[in-house]
């Protein structure tokens, strides 16, 4: 099982969030910075992966409705795919 920590503080705008997620999750250079591409990449994860998001409040504050949509993609993929778990921690 792989555990990936995403820091919500590093998602200062939508473009930065996509870049940060792609780099941290080691997506290929073909990743397109949009929600459809994010969903595609998450659905193609082959191993058990746990993504832990810290400070989701920063994501919502910095990205507004786009942040809510981004989080929804993670939650939806987690509910559809047994090998992918998404956890939010707000310490």
PDB file of N, CA and C in Angstrom:
ATOM      1  N   UNK A   1       0.844  -1.176   0.000  1.00  0.00           N
ATOM      2  CA  UNK A   1       0.000   0.000   0.000  1.00  0.00           C
ATOM      3  C   UNK A   1       0.891   1.241   0.000  1.00  0.00           C
ATOM      4  N   UNK A   2       0.496   2.205  -0.797  1.00  0.00           N
ATOM      5  CA  UNK A   2       1.214   3.474  -0.869  1.00  0.00           C
ATOM      6  C   UNK A   2       0.379   4.549  -0.185  1.00  0.00           C
ATOM      7  N   UNK A   3       1.029   5.356   0.644  1.00  0.00           N
ATOM      8  CA  UNK A   3       0.363   6.469   1.315  1.00  0.00           C
ATOM      9  C   UNK A   3       0.954   7.767   0.779  1.00  0.00           C
ATOM     10  N   UNK A   4       0.079   8.633   0.303  1.00  0.00           N
ATOM     11  CA  UNK A   4       0.487   9.921  -0.262  1.00  0.00           C
ATOM     12  C   UNK A   4      -0.158  11.025   0.560  1.00  0.00           C
ATOM     13  N   UNK A   5       0.649  11.965   0.999  1.00  0.00           N
ATOM     14  CA  UNK A   5       0.155  13.109   1.774  1.00  0.00           C
ATOM     15  C   UNK A   5       0.099  14.329   0.856  1.00  0.00           C
ATOM     16  N   UNK A   6      -1.074  14.933   0.761  1.00  0.00           N
ATOM     17  CA  UNK A   6      -1.242  16.190   0.034  1.00  0.00           C
ATOM     18  C   UNK A   6      -1.488  17.297   1.047  1.00  0.00           C
ATOM     19  N   UNK A   7      -0.741  18.374   0.941  1.00  0.00           N
ATOM     20  CA  UNK A   7      -0.857  19.511   1.846  1.00  0.00           C
ATOM     21  C   UNK A   7      -1.725  20.583   1.191  1.00  0.00           C
ATOM     22  N   UNK A   8      -2.896  20.802   1.758  1.00  0.00           N
ATOM     23  CA  UNK A   8      -3.822  21.783   1.212  1.00  0.00           C
ATOM     24  C   UNK A   8      -3.258  23.190   1.142  1.00  0.00           C
ATOM     25  N   UNK A   9      -2.288  23.503   2.004  1.00  0.00           N
ATOM     26  CA  UNK A   9      -1.667  24.835   1.990  1.00  0.00           C
ATOM     27  C   UNK A   9      -0.904  25.100   0.701  1.00  0.00           C
ATOM     28  N   UNK A  10      -0.488  24.062   0.018  1.00  0.00           N
ATOM     29  CA  UNK A  10       0.294  24.240  -1.213  1.00  0.00           C
ATOM     30  C   UNK A  10      -0.599  24.435  -2.437  1.00  0.00           C
ATOM     31  N   UNK A  11      -1.900  24.365  -2.243  1.00  0.00           N
ATOM     32  CA  UNK A  11      -2.841  24.542  -3.348  1.00  0.00           C
ATOM     33  C   UNK A  11      -3.381  25.960  -3.297  1.00  0.00           C
ATOM     34  N   UNK A  12      -2.576  26.890  -3.776  1.00  0.00           N
ATOM     35  CA  UNK A  12      -2.898  28.310  -3.653  1.00  0.00           C
ATOM     36  C   UNK A  12      -3.846  28.815  -4.734  1.00  0.00           C
ATOM     37  N   UNK A  13      -3.880  28.128  -5.857  1.00  0.00           N
ATOM     38  CA  UNK A  13      -4.843  28.414  -6.921  1.00  0.00           C
ATOM     39  C   UNK A  13      -5.034  27.118  -7.700  1.00  0.00           C
ATOM     40  N   UNK A  14      -5.948  27.104  -8.647  1.00  0.00           N
ATOM     41  CA  UNK A  14      -6.289  25.858  -9.330  1.00  0.00           C
ATOM     42  C   UNK A  14      -5.114  25.296 -10.120  1.00  0.00           C
ATOM     43  N   UNK A  15      -4.396  26.145 -10.819  1.00  0.00           N
ATOM     44  CA  UNK A  15      -3.248  25.680 -11.594  1.00  0.00           C
ATOM     45  C   UNK A  15      -2.178  25.084 -10.679  1.00  0.00           C
ATOM     46  N   UNK A  16      -1.892  25.787  -9.584  1.00  0.00           N
ATOM     47  CA  UNK A  16      -0.903  25.286  -8.623  1.00  0.00           C
ATOM     48  C   UNK A  16      -1.355  23.969  -8.012  1.00  0.00           C
ATOM     49  N   UNK A  17      -2.643  23.845  -7.747  1.00  0.00           N
ATOM     50  CA  UNK A  17      -3.170  22.603  -7.171  1.00  0.00           C
ATOM     51  C   UNK A  17      -2.959  21.432  -8.120  1.00  0.00           C
ATOM     52  N   UNK A  18      -3.279  21.611  -9.389  1.00  0.00           N
ATOM     53  CA  UNK A  18      -3.091  20.528 -10.368  1.00  0.00           C
ATOM     54  C   UNK A  18      -1.609  20.157 -10.500  1.00  0.00           C
ATOM     55  N   UNK A  19      -0.741  21.156 -10.563  1.00  0.00           N
ATOM     56  CA  UNK A  19       0.704  20.884 -10.660  1.00  0.00           C
ATOM     57  C   UNK A  19       1.202  20.114  -9.431  1.00  0.00           C
ATOM     58  N   UNK A  20       0.786  20.581  -8.268  1.00  0.00           N
ATOM     59  CA  UNK A  20       1.210  19.961  -7.007  1.00  0.00           C
ATOM     60  C   UNK A  20       0.713  18.514  -6.909  1.00  0.00           C
ATOM     61  N   UNK A  21      -0.546  18.285  -7.231  1.00  0.00           N
ATOM     62  CA  UNK A  21      -1.112  16.929  -7.171  1.00  0.00           C
ATOM     63  C   UNK A  21      -0.386  16.024  -8.157  1.00  0.00           C
ATOM     64  N   UNK A  22      -0.186  16.499  -9.382  1.00  0.00           N
ATOM     65  CA  UNK A  22       0.484  15.686 -10.406  1.00  0.00           C
ATOM     66  C   UNK A  22       1.905  15.327  -9.987  1.00  0.00           C
ATOM     67  N   UNK A  23       2.612  16.284  -9.420  1.00  0.00           N
ATOM     68  CA  UNK A  23       3.991  16.022  -8.996  1.00  0.00           C
ATOM     69  C   UNK A  23       4.024  15.069  -7.805  1.00  0.00           C
ATOM     70  N   UNK A  24       3.203  15.331  -6.814  1.00  0.00           N
ATOM     71  CA  UNK A  24       3.206  14.522  -5.596  1.00  0.00           C
ATOM     72  C   UNK A  24       2.743  13.095  -5.864  1.00  0.00           C
ATOM     73  N   UNK A  25       1.776  12.943  -6.766  1.00  0.00           N
ATOM     74  CA  UNK A  25       1.254  11.603  -7.060  1.00  0.00           C
ATOM     75  C   UNK A  25       1.997  10.940  -8.227  1.00  0.00           C
ATOM     76  N   UNK A  26       3.013  11.628  -8.738  1.00  0.00           N
ATOM     77  CA  UNK A  26       3.868  11.119  -9.809  1.00  0.00           C
ATOM     78  C   UNK A  26       3.073  10.719 -11.069  1.00  0.00           C
ATOM     79  N   UNK A  27       2.174  11.613 -11.475  1.00  0.00           N
ATOM     80  CA  UNK A  27       1.467  11.417 -12.738  1.00  0.00           C
ATOM     81  C   UNK A  27       2.447  11.651 -13.885  1.00  0.00           C
ATOM     82  N   UNK A  28       2.142  11.099 -15.032  1.00  0.00           N
ATOM     83  CA  UNK A  28       3.028  11.269 -16.184  1.00  0.00           C
ATOM     84  C   UNK A  28       2.970  12.707 -16.697  1.00  0.00           C
ATOM     85  N   UNK A  29       3.913  13.021 -17.565  1.00  0.00           N
ATOM     86  CA  UNK A  29       3.955  14.376 -18.144  1.00  0.00           C
ATOM     87  C   UNK A  29       2.768  14.637 -19.064  1.00  0.00           C
ATOM     88  N   UNK A  30       1.988  13.605 -19.361  1.00  0.00           N
ATOM     89  CA  UNK A  30       0.821  13.760 -20.226  1.00  0.00           C
ATOM     90  C   UNK A  30      -0.423  14.193 -19.454  1.00  0.00           C
ATOM     91  N   UNK A  31      -0.298  14.298 -18.133  1.00  0.00           N
ATOM     92  CA  UNK A  31      -1.424  14.743 -17.314  1.00  0.00           C
ATOM     93  C   UNK A  31      -1.861  16.135 -17.729  1.00  0.00           C
ATOM     94  N   UNK A  32      -3.136  16.298 -17.966  1.00  0.00           N
ATOM     95  CA  UNK A  32      -3.709  17.608 -18.306  1.00  0.00           C
ATOM     96  C   UNK A  32      -4.284  18.218 -17.023  1.00  0.00           C
ATOM     97  N   UNK A  33      -4.032  19.485 -16.772  1.00  0.00           N
ATOM     98  CA  UNK A  33      -4.486  20.110 -15.529  1.00  0.00           C
ATOM     99  C   UNK A  33      -5.978  20.430 -15.531  1.00  0.00           C
ATOM    100  N   UNK A  34      -6.796  19.387 -15.468  1.00  0.00           N
ATOM    101  CA  UNK A  34      -8.238  19.584 -15.369  1.00  0.00           C
ATOM    102  C   UNK A  34      -8.847  18.414 -14.584  1.00  0.00           C
ATOM    103  N   UNK A  35     -10.088  18.568 -14.177  1.00  0.00           N
ATOM    104  CA  UNK A  35     -10.728  17.569 -13.319  1.00  0.00           C
ATOM    105  C   UNK A  35     -10.979  16.246 -14.025  1.00  0.00           C
ATOM    106  N   UNK A  36     -11.276  16.278 -15.316  1.00  0.00           N
ATOM    107  CA  UNK A  36     -11.484  15.028 -16.055  1.00  0.00           C
ATOM    108  C   UNK A  36     -10.204  14.206 -16.101  1.00  0.00           C
ATOM    109  N   UNK A  37      -9.096  14.863 -16.343  1.00  0.00           N
ATOM    110  CA  UNK A  37      -7.819  14.172 -16.377  1.00  0.00           C
ATOM    111  C   UNK A  37      -7.473  13.630 -14.994  1.00  0.00           C
ATOM    112  N   UNK A  38      -7.741  14.395 -13.958  1.00  0.00           N
ATOM    113  CA  UNK A  38      -7.494  13.932 -12.595  1.00  0.00           C
ATOM    114  C   UNK A  38      -8.301  12.667 -12.315  1.00  0.00           C
ATOM    115  N   UNK A  39      -9.572  12.683 -12.666  1.00  0.00           N
ATOM    116  CA  UNK A  39     -10.419  11.500 -12.459  1.00  0.00           C
ATOM    117  C   UNK A  39      -9.882  10.301 -13.235  1.00  0.00           C
ATOM    118  N   UNK A  40      -9.438  10.530 -14.455  1.00  0.00           N
ATOM    119  CA  UNK A  40      -8.872   9.440 -15.265  1.00  0.00           C
ATOM    120  C   UNK A  40      -7.640   8.844 -14.598  1.00  0.00           C
ATOM    121  N   UNK A  41      -6.743   9.691 -14.139  1.00  0.00           N
ATOM    122  CA  UNK A  41      -5.520   9.200 -13.510  1.00  0.00           C
ATOM    123  C   UNK A  41      -5.826   8.455 -12.212  1.00  0.00           C
ATOM    124  N   UNK A  42      -6.754   8.971 -11.419  1.00  0.00           N
ATOM    125  CA  UNK A  42      -7.118   8.290 -10.178  1.00  0.00           C
ATOM    126  C   UNK A  42      -7.769   6.942 -10.464  1.00  0.00           C
ATOM    127  N   UNK A  43      -8.561   6.877 -11.518  1.00  0.00           N
ATOM    128  CA  UNK A  43      -9.231   5.610 -11.845  1.00  0.00           C
ATOM    129  C   UNK A  43      -8.252   4.568 -12.361  1.00  0.00           C
ATOM    130  N   UNK A  44      -7.108   5.002 -12.856  1.00  0.00           N
ATOM    131  CA  UNK A  44      -6.126   4.075 -13.414  1.00  0.00           C
ATOM    132  C   UNK A  44      -5.072   3.624 -12.407  1.00  0.00           C
ATOM    133  N   UNK A  45      -5.158   4.072 -11.169  1.00  0.00           N
ATOM    134  CA  UNK A  45      -4.206   3.628 -10.160  1.00  0.00           C
ATOM    135  C   UNK A  45      -4.359   2.124  -9.978  1.00  0.00           C
ATOM    136  N   UNK A  46      -3.244   1.406 -10.077  1.00  0.00           N
ATOM    137  CA  UNK A  46      -3.335  -0.050 -10.048  1.00  0.00           C
ATOM    138  C   UNK A  46      -3.106  -0.642  -8.660  1.00  0.00           C
ATOM    139  N   UNK A  47      -2.361   0.020  -7.823  1.00  0.00           N
ATOM    140  CA  UNK A  47      -2.069  -0.504  -6.495  1.00  0.00           C
ATOM    141  C   UNK A  47      -2.960   0.165  -5.458  1.00  0.00           C
ATOM    142  N   UNK A  48      -2.967  -0.425  -4.267  1.00  0.00           N
ATOM    143  CA  UNK A  48      -3.688   0.212  -3.175  1.00  0.00           C
ATOM    144  C   UNK A  48      -3.014   1.528  -2.835  1.00  0.00           C
ATOM    145  N   UNK A  49      -3.784   2.601  -2.910  1.00  0.00           N
ATOM    146  CA  UNK A  49      -3.256   3.940  -2.647  1.00  0.00           C
ATOM    147  C   UNK A  49      -4.168   4.632  -1.647  1.00  0.00           C
ATOM    148  N   UNK A  50      -3.552   5.237  -0.642  1.00  0.00           N
ATOM    149  CA  UNK A  50      -4.270   6.061   0.325  1.00  0.00           C
ATOM    150  C   UNK A  50      -3.747   7.480   0.163  1.00  0.00           C
ATOM    151  N   UNK A  51      -4.639   8.403  -0.122  1.00  0.00           N
ATOM    152  CA  UNK A  51      -4.270   9.816  -0.215  1.00  0.00           C
ATOM    153  C   UNK A  51      -4.850  10.513   1.008  1.00  0.00           C
ATOM    154  N   UNK A  52      -3.982  11.170   1.746  1.00  0.00           N
ATOM    155  CA  UNK A  52      -4.392  11.921   2.928  1.00  0.00           C
ATOM    156  C   UNK A  52      -4.200  13.400   2.621  1.00  0.00           C
ATOM    157  N   UNK A  53      -5.292  14.146   2.680  1.00  0.00           N
ATOM    158  CA  UNK A  53      -5.238  15.591   2.458  1.00  0.00           C
ATOM    159  C   UNK A  53      -5.234  16.290   3.807  1.00  0.00           C
ATOM    160  N   UNK A  54      -4.202  17.071   4.056  1.00  0.00           N
ATOM    161  CA  UNK A  54      -4.166  17.883   5.263  1.00  0.00           C
ATOM    162  C   UNK A  54      -4.623  19.294   4.910  1.00  0.00           C
ATOM    163  N   UNK A  55      -5.299  19.923   5.836  1.00  0.00           N
ATOM    164  CA  UNK A  55      -5.771  21.308   5.698  1.00  0.00           C
ATOM    165  C   UNK A  55      -6.642  21.529   4.456  1.00  0.00           C
ATOM    166  N   UNK A  56      -7.726  20.781   4.400  1.00  0.00           N
ATOM    167  CA  UNK A  56      -8.660  20.955   3.278  1.00  0.00           C
ATOM    168  C   UNK A  56      -9.322  22.332   3.312  1.00  0.00           C
ATOM    169  N   UNK A  57      -9.331  22.969   4.490  1.00  0.00           N
ATOM    170  CA  UNK A  57      -9.907  24.317   4.577  1.00  0.00           C
ATOM    171  C   UNK A  57      -9.165  25.289   3.660  1.00  0.00           C
ATOM    172  N   UNK A  58      -7.857  25.118   3.533  1.00  0.00           N
ATOM    173  CA  UNK A  58      -7.072  25.972   2.635  1.00  0.00           C
ATOM    174  C   UNK A  58      -7.469  25.754   1.186  1.00  0.00           C
ATOM    175  N   UNK A  59      -7.762  24.507   0.837  1.00  0.00           N
ATOM    176  CA  UNK A  59      -8.180  24.201  -0.536  1.00  0.00           C
ATOM    177  C   UNK A  59      -9.474  24.944  -0.847  1.00  0.00           C
ATOM    178  N   UNK A  60     -10.442  24.844   0.048  1.00  0.00           N
ATOM    179  CA  UNK A  60     -11.726  25.525  -0.171  1.00  0.00           C
ATOM    180  C   UNK A  60     -11.562  27.037  -0.157  1.00  0.00           C
ATOM    181  N   UNK A  61     -10.746  27.534   0.761  1.00  0.00           N
ATOM    182  CA  UNK A  61     -10.550  28.987   0.866  1.00  0.00           C
ATOM    183  C   UNK A  61      -9.822  29.535  -0.365  1.00  0.00           C
ATOM    184  N   UNK A  62      -8.765  28.853  -0.792  1.00  0.00           N
ATOM    185  CA  UNK A  62      -7.947  29.363  -1.896  1.00  0.00           C
ATOM    186  C   UNK A  62      -8.573  29.137  -3.267  1.00  0.00           C
ATOM    187  N   UNK A  63      -9.301  28.050  -3.433  1.00  0.00           N
ATOM    188  CA  UNK A  63      -9.812  27.690  -4.756  1.00  0.00           C
ATOM    189  C   UNK A  63     -11.314  27.911  -4.894  1.00  0.00           C
ATOM    190  N   UNK A  64     -12.001  28.172  -3.798  1.00  0.00           N
ATOM    191  CA  UNK A  64     -13.440  28.404  -3.851  1.00  0.00           C
ATOM    192  C   UNK A  64     -14.184  27.191  -4.390  1.00  0.00           C
ATOM    193  N   UNK A  65     -15.104  27.425  -5.300  1.00  0.00           N
ATOM    194  CA  UNK A  65     -15.911  26.345  -5.856  1.00  0.00           C
ATOM    195  C   UNK A  65     -15.048  25.329  -6.612  1.00  0.00           C
ATOM    196  N   UNK A  66     -13.947  25.788  -7.207  1.00  0.00           N
ATOM    197  CA  UNK A  66     -13.037  24.861  -7.887  1.00  0.00           C
ATOM    198  C   UNK A  66     -12.406  23.891  -6.883  1.00  0.00           C
ATOM    199  N   UNK A  67     -12.138  24.366  -5.684  1.00  0.00           N
ATOM    200  CA  UNK A  67     -11.610  23.494  -4.639  1.00  0.00           C
ATOM    201  C   UNK A  67     -12.616  22.440  -4.232  1.00  0.00           C
ATOM    202  N   UNK A  68     -13.879  22.844  -4.123  1.00  0.00           N
ATOM    203  CA  UNK A  68     -14.941  21.890  -3.798  1.00  0.00           C
ATOM    204  C   UNK A  68     -15.067  20.835  -4.889  1.00  0.00           C
ATOM    205  N   UNK A  69     -14.964  21.253  -6.129  1.00  0.00           N
ATOM    206  CA  UNK A  69     -15.041  20.305  -7.256  1.00  0.00           C
ATOM    207  C   UNK A  69     -13.848  19.347  -7.249  1.00  0.00           C
ATOM    208  N   UNK A  70     -12.676  19.877  -6.955  1.00  0.00           N
ATOM    209  CA  UNK A  70     -11.474  19.053  -6.894  1.00  0.00           C
ATOM    210  C   UNK A  70     -11.618  17.983  -5.814  1.00  0.00           C
ATOM    211  N   UNK A  71     -12.065  18.386  -4.637  1.00  0.00           N
ATOM    212  CA  UNK A  71     -12.254  17.433  -3.548  1.00  0.00           C
ATOM    213  C   UNK A  71     -13.317  16.397  -3.898  1.00  0.00           C
ATOM    214  N   UNK A  72     -14.355  16.830  -4.584  1.00  0.00           N
ATOM    215  CA  UNK A  72     -15.419  15.909  -4.986  1.00  0.00           C
ATOM    216  C   UNK A  72     -14.876  14.801  -5.887  1.00  0.00           C
ATOM    217  N   UNK A  73     -13.937  15.127  -6.777  1.00  0.00           N
ATOM    218  CA  UNK A  73     -13.335  14.109  -7.648  1.00  0.00           C
ATOM    219  C   UNK A  73     -12.635  13.060  -6.795  1.00  0.00           C
ATOM    220  N   UNK A  74     -11.862  13.499  -5.807  1.00  0.00           N
ATOM    221  CA  UNK A  74     -11.174  12.554  -4.936  1.00  0.00           C
ATOM    222  C   UNK A  74     -12.170  11.684  -4.171  1.00  0.00           C
ATOM    223  N   UNK A  75     -13.215  12.302  -3.604  1.00  0.00           N
ATOM    224  CA  UNK A  75     -14.211  11.544  -2.854  1.00  0.00           C
ATOM    225  C   UNK A  75     -14.959  10.552  -3.751  1.00  0.00           C
ATOM    226  N   UNK A  76     -15.345  10.994  -4.940  1.00  0.00           N
ATOM    227  CA  UNK A  76     -16.075  10.107  -5.859  1.00  0.00           C
ATOM    228  C   UNK A  76     -15.223   8.915  -6.278  1.00  0.00           C
ATOM    229  N   UNK A  77     -13.962   9.166  -6.596  1.00  0.00           N
ATOM    230  CA  UNK A  77     -13.093   8.059  -7.006  1.00  0.00           C
ATOM    231  C   UNK A  77     -12.859   7.107  -5.839  1.00  0.00           C
ATOM    232  N   UNK A  78     -12.782   7.632  -4.642  1.00  0.00           N
ATOM    233  CA  UNK A  78     -12.607   6.790  -3.461  1.00  0.00           C
ATOM    234  C   UNK A  78     -13.825   5.890  -3.240  1.00  0.00           C
ATOM    235  N   UNK A  79     -15.006   6.408  -3.523  1.00  0.00           N
ATOM    236  CA  UNK A  79     -16.213   5.600  -3.323  1.00  0.00           C
ATOM    237  C   UNK A  79     -16.409   4.564  -4.427  1.00  0.00           C
ATOM    238  N   UNK A  80     -15.830   4.785  -5.594  1.00  0.00           N
ATOM    239  CA  UNK A  80     -15.990   3.869  -6.732  1.00  0.00           C
ATOM    240  C   UNK A  80     -14.925   2.784  -6.798  1.00  0.00           C
ATOM    241  N   UNK A  81     -13.774   3.062  -6.252  1.00  0.00           N
ATOM    242  CA  UNK A  81     -12.611   2.199  -6.467  1.00  0.00           C
ATOM    243  C   UNK A  81     -12.109   1.662  -5.130  1.00  0.00           C
ATOM    244  N   UNK A  82     -12.168   0.363  -4.946  1.00  0.00           N
ATOM    245  CA  UNK A  82     -11.778  -0.252  -3.671  1.00  0.00           C
ATOM    246  C   UNK A  82     -10.306  -0.058  -3.349  1.00  0.00           C
ATOM    247  N   UNK A  83      -9.469   0.074  -4.354  1.00  0.00           N
ATOM    248  CA  UNK A  83      -8.029   0.178  -4.110  1.00  0.00           C
ATOM    249  C   UNK A  83      -7.567   1.619  -3.881  1.00  0.00           C
ATOM    250  N   UNK A  84      -8.502   2.561  -3.814  1.00  0.00           N
ATOM    251  CA  UNK A  84      -8.167   3.968  -3.606  1.00  0.00           C
ATOM    252  C   UNK A  84      -8.952   4.505  -2.418  1.00  0.00           C
ATOM    253  N   UNK A  85      -8.243   5.094  -1.466  1.00  0.00           N
ATOM    254  CA  UNK A  85      -8.869   5.668  -0.282  1.00  0.00           C
ATOM    255  C   UNK A  85      -8.453   7.132  -0.175  1.00  0.00           C
ATOM    256  N   UNK A  86      -9.425   7.986   0.109  1.00  0.00           N
ATOM    257  CA  UNK A  86      -9.160   9.405   0.280  1.00  0.00           C
ATOM    258  C   UNK A  86      -9.585   9.810   1.693  1.00  0.00           C
ATOM    259  N   UNK A  87      -8.655  10.392   2.430  1.00  0.00           N
ATOM    260  CA  UNK A  87      -8.890  10.792   3.820  1.00  0.00           C
ATOM    261  C   UNK A  87      -8.566  12.272   3.961  1.00  0.00           C
ATOM    262  N   UNK A  88      -9.426  12.990   4.658  1.00  0.00           N
ATOM    263  CA  UNK A  88      -9.210  14.408   4.924  1.00  0.00           C
ATOM    264  C   UNK A  88      -8.889  14.561   6.405  1.00  0.00           C
ATOM    265  N   UNK A  89      -7.773  15.240   6.678  1.00  0.00           N
ATOM    266  CA  UNK A  89      -7.381  15.528   8.064  1.00  0.00           C
ATOM    267  C   UNK A  89      -7.251  17.034   8.218  1.00  0.00           C
ATOM    268  N   UNK A  90      -7.989  17.573   9.129  1.00  0.00           N
ATOM    269  CA  UNK A  90      -7.888  19.004   9.429  1.00  0.00           C
ATOM    270  C   UNK A  90      -7.446  19.160  10.873  1.00  0.00           C
ATOM    271  N   UNK A  91      -6.147  19.235  11.057  1.00  0.00           N
ATOM    272  CA  UNK A  91      -5.573  19.354  12.414  1.00  0.00           C
ATOM    273  C   UNK A  91      -5.588  20.779  12.885  1.00  0.00           C
TER     274      UNK A  91
END
